[in-house]
Amino acid sequence: MAGGWAKDGAVSEQIEASISDELARLKSRPALQGESLTHCADCEEEIPVARQRAIPGVKLCIECQQERDGTLKARGGINRRGSKDSQLK
């Protein structure tokens, strides 16, 4: 595929770099620590003992955690690698 001034494989390198950046971001997040709560920090419902044992330091019940995981968080929005797509907007 013709890539203009880009060298062969530049798209693959960009995808791999984006994946590496995201993995590094996820690994840098602080792990849950401390003692698990017995009741959810959001809704005050009891957190099952099995969940407390499975995830040390858990603070939310399953429903509240799923709700938080489902919310979209905007990040960056800037293509740092300067692809042509980012310049077309």
C-alpha atoms as a PDB file:
ATOM      1  CA  MET A   1       0.000   0.000   0.000  1.00  0.00           C
ATOM      2  CA  ALA A   2       1.307   3.423  -0.892  1.00  0.00           C
ATOM      3  CA  GLY A   3       1.944   5.572   2.137  1.00  0.00           C
ATOM      4  CA  GLY A   4       3.154   8.841   0.709  1.00  0.00           C
ATOM      5  CA  TRP A   5       6.284   9.824   2.583  1.00  0.00           C
ATOM      6  CA  ALA A   6       5.744   7.176   5.237  1.00  0.00           C
ATOM      7  CA  LYS A   7       8.011   4.172   5.162  1.00  0.00           C
ATOM      8  CA  ASP A   8       6.648   0.660   4.629  1.00  0.00           C
ATOM      9  CA  GLY A   9       5.047  -0.727   7.771  1.00  0.00           C
ATOM     10  CA  ALA A  10       4.480   2.698   9.339  1.00  0.00           C
ATOM     11  CA  VAL A  11       0.801   1.986   9.997  1.00  0.00           C
ATOM     12  CA  SER A  12       1.646  -1.259  11.784  1.00  0.00           C
ATOM     13  CA  GLU A  13       4.278   0.518  13.858  1.00  0.00           C
ATOM     14  CA  GLN A  14       1.751   3.196  14.813  1.00  0.00           C
ATOM     15  CA  ILE A  15      -0.807   0.589  15.887  1.00  0.00           C
ATOM     16  CA  GLU A  16       1.806  -1.308  17.904  1.00  0.00           C
ATOM     17  CA  ALA A  17       2.976   1.918  19.558  1.00  0.00           C
ATOM     18  CA  SER A  18      -0.605   2.832  20.486  1.00  0.00           C
ATOM     19  CA  ILE A  19      -1.145  -0.603  22.012  1.00  0.00           C
ATOM     20  CA  SER A  20       2.142  -0.358  23.916  1.00  0.00           C
ATOM     21  CA  ASP A  21       1.167   3.077  25.257  1.00  0.00           C
ATOM     22  CA  GLU A  22      -2.206   1.803  26.454  1.00  0.00           C
ATOM     23  CA  LEU A  23      -0.662  -1.257  28.127  1.00  0.00           C
ATOM     24  CA  ALA A  24       1.888   0.934  29.894  1.00  0.00           C
ATOM     25  CA  ARG A  25      -0.915   3.249  31.069  1.00  0.00           C
ATOM     26  CA  LEU A  26      -2.901   0.320  32.451  1.00  0.00           C
ATOM     27  CA  LYS A  27       0.137  -1.169  34.193  1.00  0.00           C
ATOM     28  CA  SER A  28       0.947   2.161  35.826  1.00  0.00           C
ATOM     29  CA  ARG A  29      -2.468   2.376  37.515  1.00  0.00           C
ATOM     30  CA  PRO A  30      -2.222   1.828  41.250  1.00  0.00           C
ATOM     31  CA  ALA A  31      -3.363  -1.608  42.339  1.00  0.00           C
ATOM     32  CA  LEU A  32      -6.122  -1.953  44.867  1.00  0.00           C
ATOM     33  CA  GLN A  33      -4.643  -2.046  48.327  1.00  0.00           C
ATOM     34  CA  GLY A  34      -5.748  -2.251  51.874  1.00  0.00           C
ATOM     35  CA  GLU A  35      -8.679  -4.016  53.355  1.00  0.00           C
ATOM     36  CA  SER A  36     -11.869  -4.559  51.402  1.00  0.00           C
ATOM     37  CA  LEU A  37     -14.955  -2.697  52.487  1.00  0.00           C
ATOM     38  CA  THR A  38     -17.929  -4.702  53.729  1.00  0.00           C
ATOM     39  CA  HIS A  39     -20.395  -2.265  52.138  1.00  0.00           C
ATOM     40  CA  CYS A  40     -20.229  -0.463  48.794  1.00  0.00           C
ATOM     41  CA  ALA A  41     -18.757   3.044  48.903  1.00  0.00           C
ATOM     42  CA  ASP A  42     -21.408   4.262  46.425  1.00  0.00           C
ATOM     43  CA  CYS A  43     -24.708   2.569  47.245  1.00  0.00           C
ATOM     44  CA  GLU A  44     -24.086   1.145  50.757  1.00  0.00           C
ATOM     45  CA  GLU A  45     -25.139  -2.378  49.668  1.00  0.00           C
ATOM     46  CA  GLU A  46     -23.261  -5.271  51.225  1.00  0.00           C
ATOM     47  CA  ILE A  47     -20.294  -6.540  49.190  1.00  0.00           C
ATOM     48  CA  PRO A  48     -20.321 -10.361  49.008  1.00  0.00           C
ATOM     49  CA  VAL A  49     -17.569 -12.041  51.002  1.00  0.00           C
ATOM     50  CA  ALA A  50     -16.450 -13.974  47.912  1.00  0.00           C
ATOM     51  CA  ARG A  51     -15.853 -10.671  46.083  1.00  0.00           C
ATOM     52  CA  GLN A  52     -13.927  -9.290  49.053  1.00  0.00           C
ATOM     53  CA  ARG A  53     -11.653 -12.338  49.023  1.00  0.00           C
ATOM     54  CA  ALA A  54     -11.243 -12.398  45.244  1.00  0.00           C
ATOM     55  CA  ILE A  55     -10.317  -8.711  44.937  1.00  0.00           C
ATOM     56  CA  PRO A  56      -8.308  -7.429  47.915  1.00  0.00           C
ATOM     57  CA  GLY A  57      -9.089  -3.776  48.574  1.00  0.00           C
ATOM     58  CA  VAL A  58     -12.431  -3.789  46.735  1.00  0.00           C
ATOM     59  CA  LYS A  59     -14.566  -0.716  47.484  1.00  0.00           C
ATOM     60  CA  LEU A  60     -17.601  -1.187  45.197  1.00  0.00           C
ATOM     61  CA  CYS A  61     -20.296  -3.816  44.755  1.00  0.00           C
ATOM     62  CA  ILE A  62     -20.551  -5.593  41.407  1.00  0.00           C
ATOM     63  CA  GLU A  63     -23.396  -3.392  40.117  1.00  0.00           C
ATOM     64  CA  CYS A  64     -21.637  -0.103  40.928  1.00  0.00           C
ATOM     65  CA  GLN A  65     -18.353  -1.375  39.480  1.00  0.00           C
ATOM     66  CA  GLN A  66     -20.092  -2.415  36.252  1.00  0.00           C
ATOM     67  CA  GLU A  67     -21.729   1.013  36.048  1.00  0.00           C
ATOM     68  CA  ARG A  68     -18.361   2.743  36.440  1.00  0.00           C
ATOM     69  CA  ASP A  69     -16.712   0.447  33.917  1.00  0.00           C
ATOM     70  CA  GLY A  70     -19.482   1.167  31.438  1.00  0.00           C
ATOM     71  CA  THR A  71     -19.089   4.940  31.521  1.00  0.00           C
ATOM     72  CA  LEU A  72     -16.989   6.354  28.714  1.00  0.00           C
ATOM     73  CA  LYS A  73     -14.082   8.486  29.820  1.00  0.00           C
ATOM     74  CA  ALA A  74     -12.677  10.871  27.263  1.00  0.00           C
ATOM     75  CA  ARG A  75      -8.928  10.691  26.947  1.00  0.00           C
ATOM     76  CA  GLY A  76      -6.492  12.738  24.942  1.00  0.00           C
ATOM     77  CA  GLY A  77      -8.114  12.947  21.559  1.00  0.00           C
ATOM     78  CA  ILE A  78      -4.855  14.047  19.975  1.00  0.00           C
ATOM     79  CA  ASN A  79      -2.961  11.756  17.679  1.00  0.00           C
ATOM     80  CA  ARG A  80       0.565  12.275  18.959  1.00  0.00           C
ATOM     81  CA  ARG A  81       2.068  10.372  16.091  1.00  0.00           C
ATOM     82  CA  GLY A  82       0.833  12.940  13.572  1.00  0.00           C
ATOM     83  CA  SER A  83      -0.946  10.692  11.110  1.00  0.00           C
ATOM     84  CA  LYS A  84      -2.606  12.284   8.125  1.00  0.00           C
ATOM     85  CA  ASP A  85      -6.029  11.361   9.553  1.00  0.00           C
ATOM     86  CA  SER A  86      -5.495  13.677  12.519  1.00  0.00           C
ATOM     87  CA  GLN A  87      -4.723  16.563  10.180  1.00  0.00           C
ATOM     88  CA  LEU A  88      -7.888  16.190   8.097  1.00  0.00           C
ATOM     89  CA  LYS A  89     -10.238  17.469  10.805  1.00  0.00           C
END
